Amino acid sequence: MTQQYGGWSNHATQHIFFKLFDGFDPYDHFPDDQANMRDWLWEELRMYAEIQVRESTKFTKSLANDLALLFLLDVNWTEIASHLYETYSLQEDGGVK
């Protein structure tokens, strides 16, 4: 039986999307090279999430920090990137695709 995570492929992807990227407009955050965004957005999102984890624990070296970074390895970054790209490219194009 395949388990569903609110339409996402796994728990890590669902959790990170709702904690970091729900309402996140990539066109506002990454203004450069928007024409090729579909190709590189997943990697920028991964790096953004890693920075958020490191910034939130920058004064401590802890098991929690290590576990948070390991959790990010299970995230399906291309799934989040595709969702954001599709959602916000429609807005950038005036709702027409």
N, C-alpha and C. Protein backbone atom coordinates (compact mmCIF):
# COMPACT_ATOMS: atom_id res chain seq x y z
N MET A 1 0.84 -1.18 0.00
CA MET A 1 0.00 0.00 0.00
C MET A 1 0.88 1.25 0.00
N THR A 2 0.63 2.14 -0.91
CA THR A 2 1.40 3.37 -0.99
C THR A 2 0.83 4.39 -0.01
N GLN A 3 1.70 4.96 0.81
CA GLN A 3 1.25 5.95 1.78
C GLN A 3 1.30 7.33 1.15
N GLN A 4 0.27 8.12 1.37
CA GLN A 4 0.20 9.47 0.84
C GLN A 4 0.56 10.48 1.92
N TYR A 5 1.17 11.53 1.51
CA TYR A 5 1.57 12.60 2.42
C TYR A 5 1.01 13.92 1.90
N GLY A 6 -0.31 14.01 1.90
CA GLY A 6 -0.96 15.22 1.43
C GLY A 6 -0.64 15.52 -0.03
N GLY A 7 -0.45 14.48 -0.82
CA GLY A 7 -0.12 14.65 -2.23
C GLY A 7 1.37 14.71 -2.51
N TRP A 8 2.19 14.75 -1.48
CA TRP A 8 3.65 14.79 -1.65
C TRP A 8 4.20 13.37 -1.61
N SER A 9 5.39 13.17 -2.16
CA SER A 9 5.95 11.83 -2.27
C SER A 9 6.42 11.22 -0.96
N ASN A 10 6.76 12.05 0.03
CA ASN A 10 7.19 11.51 1.33
C ASN A 10 7.01 12.58 2.42
N HIS A 11 7.17 12.15 3.66
CA HIS A 11 6.97 13.03 4.79
C HIS A 11 7.94 14.21 4.79
N ALA A 12 9.19 13.95 4.48
CA ALA A 12 10.20 15.02 4.51
C ALA A 12 9.85 16.12 3.50
N THR A 13 9.42 15.72 2.32
CA THR A 13 9.07 16.70 1.30
C THR A 13 7.86 17.52 1.73
N GLN A 14 6.85 16.85 2.25
CA GLN A 14 5.66 17.56 2.73
C GLN A 14 6.01 18.53 3.85
N HIS A 15 6.77 18.07 4.81
CA HIS A 15 7.11 18.88 5.98
C HIS A 15 7.93 20.12 5.58
N ILE A 16 8.96 19.92 4.79
CA ILE A 16 9.81 21.04 4.39
C ILE A 16 9.04 22.02 3.51
N PHE A 17 8.18 21.52 2.63
CA PHE A 17 7.40 22.44 1.82
C PHE A 17 6.56 23.35 2.72
N PHE A 18 5.82 22.78 3.66
CA PHE A 18 4.92 23.60 4.48
C PHE A 18 5.67 24.46 5.49
N LYS A 19 6.82 24.02 5.95
CA LYS A 19 7.58 24.82 6.92
C LYS A 19 8.39 25.94 6.27
N LEU A 20 8.91 25.72 5.07
CA LEU A 20 9.80 26.70 4.45
C LEU A 20 9.28 27.33 3.16
N PHE A 21 8.48 26.61 2.39
CA PHE A 21 8.20 27.08 1.03
C PHE A 21 6.74 27.35 0.70
N ASP A 22 5.83 27.12 1.62
CA ASP A 22 4.43 27.44 1.36
C ASP A 22 4.29 28.95 1.26
N GLY A 23 3.89 29.44 0.11
CA GLY A 23 3.82 30.88 -0.12
C GLY A 23 5.12 31.51 -0.58
N PHE A 24 6.13 30.70 -0.81
CA PHE A 24 7.47 31.15 -1.23
C PHE A 24 7.44 31.36 -2.75
N ASP A 25 7.58 32.60 -3.18
CA ASP A 25 7.59 32.91 -4.61
C ASP A 25 9.03 32.91 -5.11
N PRO A 26 9.42 31.91 -5.90
CA PRO A 26 10.81 31.85 -6.35
C PRO A 26 11.20 33.03 -7.23
N TYR A 27 10.22 33.65 -7.89
CA TYR A 27 10.52 34.80 -8.75
C TYR A 27 10.92 36.01 -7.92
N ASP A 28 10.45 36.08 -6.68
CA ASP A 28 10.85 37.16 -5.78
C ASP A 28 12.20 36.89 -5.13
N HIS A 29 12.48 35.63 -4.83
CA HIS A 29 13.70 35.26 -4.11
C HIS A 29 14.91 35.05 -5.02
N PHE A 30 14.67 34.66 -6.25
CA PHE A 30 15.76 34.36 -7.18
C PHE A 30 15.53 35.12 -8.49
N PRO A 31 15.87 36.39 -8.52
CA PRO A 31 15.56 37.20 -9.70
C PRO A 31 16.44 36.92 -10.91
N ASP A 32 17.58 36.29 -10.75
CA ASP A 32 18.49 36.05 -11.87
C ASP A 32 18.12 34.80 -12.65
N ASP A 33 18.32 34.84 -13.95
CA ASP A 33 18.17 33.70 -14.84
C ASP A 33 16.81 33.01 -14.70
N GLN A 34 15.75 33.79 -14.65
CA GLN A 34 14.42 33.22 -14.49
C GLN A 34 13.98 32.40 -15.70
N ALA A 35 14.52 32.69 -16.86
CA ALA A 35 14.14 31.94 -18.06
C ALA A 35 14.51 30.46 -17.93
N ASN A 36 15.55 30.16 -17.17
CA ASN A 36 16.00 28.77 -16.99
C ASN A 36 15.70 28.23 -15.59
N MET A 37 14.79 28.87 -14.88
CA MET A 37 14.52 28.51 -13.49
C MET A 37 14.16 27.03 -13.32
N ARG A 38 13.44 26.48 -14.23
CA ARG A 38 13.02 25.08 -14.11
C ARG A 38 14.24 24.15 -13.96
N ASP A 39 15.37 24.53 -14.56
CA ASP A 39 16.57 23.70 -14.53
C ASP A 39 17.34 23.76 -13.22
N TRP A 40 17.32 24.89 -12.55
CA TRP A 40 18.18 25.07 -11.38
C TRP A 40 17.44 25.32 -10.06
N LEU A 41 16.15 25.48 -10.09
CA LEU A 41 15.42 25.86 -8.87
C LEU A 41 15.57 24.85 -7.76
N TRP A 42 15.55 23.56 -8.07
CA TRP A 42 15.64 22.54 -7.03
C TRP A 42 16.89 22.70 -6.18
N GLU A 43 18.01 23.03 -6.83
CA GLU A 43 19.27 23.15 -6.10
C GLU A 43 19.29 24.40 -5.22
N GLU A 44 18.72 25.48 -5.71
CA GLU A 44 18.63 26.71 -4.91
C GLU A 44 17.76 26.49 -3.68
N LEU A 45 16.66 25.76 -3.84
CA LEU A 45 15.78 25.47 -2.70
C LEU A 45 16.50 24.62 -1.66
N ARG A 46 17.26 23.64 -2.13
CA ARG A 46 18.03 22.78 -1.21
C ARG A 46 19.04 23.60 -0.43
N MET A 47 19.76 24.46 -1.12
CA MET A 47 20.76 25.30 -0.44
C MET A 47 20.08 26.27 0.53
N TYR A 48 18.95 26.85 0.13
CA TYR A 48 18.20 27.76 1.00
C TYR A 48 17.79 27.04 2.29
N ALA A 49 17.29 25.82 2.17
CA ALA A 49 16.88 25.05 3.35
C ALA A 49 18.07 24.74 4.25
N GLU A 50 19.19 24.36 3.65
CA GLU A 50 20.39 24.08 4.45
C GLU A 50 20.84 25.32 5.20
N ILE A 51 20.80 26.47 4.56
CA ILE A 51 21.17 27.72 5.22
C ILE A 51 20.24 28.01 6.38
N GLN A 52 18.94 27.77 6.19
CA GLN A 52 17.98 28.00 7.26
C GLN A 52 18.28 27.12 8.48
N VAL A 53 18.62 25.86 8.23
CA VAL A 53 18.97 24.95 9.33
C VAL A 53 20.24 25.42 10.01
N ARG A 54 21.25 25.73 9.24
CA ARG A 54 22.53 26.15 9.83
C ARG A 54 22.40 27.47 10.59
N GLU A 55 21.62 28.41 10.06
CA GLU A 55 21.42 29.69 10.75
C GLU A 55 20.67 29.52 12.06
N SER A 56 19.71 28.61 12.07
CA SER A 56 18.92 28.43 13.29
C SER A 56 19.71 27.72 14.38
N THR A 57 20.80 27.07 14.02
CA THR A 57 21.61 26.35 15.01
C THR A 57 23.08 26.77 14.96
N LYS A 58 23.34 28.00 14.48
CA LYS A 58 24.74 28.38 14.23
C LYS A 58 25.60 28.51 15.48
N PHE A 59 24.99 28.63 16.64
CA PHE A 59 25.78 28.78 17.85
C PHE A 59 25.97 27.46 18.59
N THR A 60 25.45 26.40 18.00
CA THR A 60 25.57 25.10 18.66
C THR A 60 25.93 24.04 17.64
N LYS A 61 26.72 23.11 18.07
CA LYS A 61 26.93 21.88 17.31
C LYS A 61 26.15 20.84 18.08
N SER A 62 25.11 20.34 17.44
CA SER A 62 24.25 19.46 18.21
C SER A 62 23.73 18.32 17.37
N LEU A 63 23.19 17.36 18.07
CA LEU A 63 22.54 16.23 17.42
C LEU A 63 21.34 16.73 16.62
N ALA A 64 20.61 17.70 17.14
CA ALA A 64 19.44 18.24 16.45
C ALA A 64 19.83 18.84 15.10
N ASN A 65 20.93 19.56 15.07
CA ASN A 65 21.42 20.13 13.81
C ASN A 65 21.76 19.02 12.82
N ASP A 66 22.47 18.03 13.28
CA ASP A 66 22.85 16.92 12.41
C ASP A 66 21.62 16.18 11.89
N LEU A 67 20.63 15.97 12.76
CA LEU A 67 19.42 15.26 12.34
C LEU A 67 18.61 16.09 11.34
N ALA A 68 18.57 17.39 11.56
CA ALA A 68 17.85 18.27 10.63
C ALA A 68 18.49 18.22 9.25
N LEU A 69 19.81 18.25 9.20
CA LEU A 69 20.51 18.17 7.91
C LEU A 69 20.30 16.80 7.25
N LEU A 70 20.27 15.74 8.04
CA LEU A 70 19.99 14.41 7.49
C LEU A 70 18.56 14.32 6.96
N PHE A 71 17.63 14.95 7.65
CA PHE A 71 16.23 14.97 7.22
C PHE A 71 16.10 15.59 5.83
N LEU A 72 16.92 16.61 5.56
CA LEU A 72 16.88 17.29 4.26
C LEU A 72 17.29 16.37 3.11
N LEU A 73 18.06 15.33 3.42
CA LEU A 73 18.48 14.40 2.38
C LEU A 73 17.31 13.60 1.80
N ASP A 74 16.24 13.47 2.58
CA ASP A 74 15.07 12.71 2.12
C ASP A 74 14.08 13.54 1.33
N VAL A 75 14.30 14.84 1.27
CA VAL A 75 13.37 15.73 0.57
C VAL A 75 13.48 15.54 -0.94
N ASN A 76 12.35 15.48 -1.60
CA ASN A 76 12.31 15.42 -3.06
C ASN A 76 12.30 16.87 -3.57
N TRP A 77 13.49 17.40 -3.78
CA TRP A 77 13.64 18.82 -4.14
C TRP A 77 13.03 19.14 -5.50
N THR A 78 13.11 18.21 -6.43
CA THR A 78 12.52 18.48 -7.74
C THR A 78 11.00 18.56 -7.67
N GLU A 79 10.42 17.82 -6.76
CA GLU A 79 8.96 17.89 -6.58
C GLU A 79 8.54 19.27 -6.05
N ILE A 80 9.25 19.77 -5.05
CA ILE A 80 8.94 21.10 -4.52
C ILE A 80 9.20 22.15 -5.58
N ALA A 81 10.33 22.05 -6.26
CA ALA A 81 10.66 23.03 -7.29
C ALA A 81 9.62 23.06 -8.40
N SER A 82 9.18 21.89 -8.83
CA SER A 82 8.15 21.83 -9.88
C SER A 82 6.86 22.48 -9.43
N HIS A 83 6.47 22.19 -8.20
CA HIS A 83 5.24 22.77 -7.66
C HIS A 83 5.34 24.30 -7.62
N LEU A 84 6.43 24.81 -7.09
CA LEU A 84 6.61 26.27 -7.01
C LEU A 84 6.70 26.89 -8.40
N TYR A 85 7.43 26.26 -9.28
CA TYR A 85 7.59 26.79 -10.63
C TYR A 85 6.23 26.87 -11.32
N GLU A 86 5.47 25.79 -11.27
CA GLU A 86 4.16 25.77 -11.92
C GLU A 86 3.21 26.79 -11.30
N THR A 87 3.21 26.88 -9.99
CA THR A 87 2.31 27.80 -9.30
C THR A 87 2.64 29.25 -9.63
N TYR A 88 3.89 29.60 -9.54
CA TYR A 88 4.26 31.01 -9.69
C TYR A 88 4.55 31.43 -11.12
N SER A 89 4.86 30.48 -12.01
CA SER A 89 5.05 30.87 -13.40
C SER A 89 3.72 31.29 -14.01
N LEU A 90 2.65 30.70 -13.57
CA LEU A 90 1.32 31.12 -14.04
C LEU A 90 1.04 32.56 -13.63
N GLN A 91 1.41 32.91 -12.41
CA GLN A 91 1.21 34.29 -11.93
C GLN A 91 2.09 35.26 -12.70
N GLU A 92 3.32 34.87 -12.95
CA GLU A 92 4.24 35.76 -13.68
C GLU A 92 3.78 35.97 -15.11
N ASP A 93 3.12 34.95 -15.69
CA ASP A 93 2.65 35.05 -17.07
C ASP A 93 1.24 35.63 -17.15
N GLY A 94 0.74 36.14 -16.03
CA GLY A 94 -0.59 36.70 -16.02
C GLY A 94 -1.69 35.66 -16.03
N GLY A 95 -1.36 34.47 -15.52
CA GLY A 95 -2.36 33.42 -15.42
C GLY A 95 -2.54 32.60 -16.70
N VAL A 96 -1.75 32.87 -17.70
CA VAL A 96 -1.87 32.14 -18.96
C VAL A 96 -0.62 31.30 -19.17
N LYS A 97 -0.81 30.06 -19.50
CA LYS A 97 0.35 29.21 -19.75
C LYS A 97 0.23 28.54 -21.09
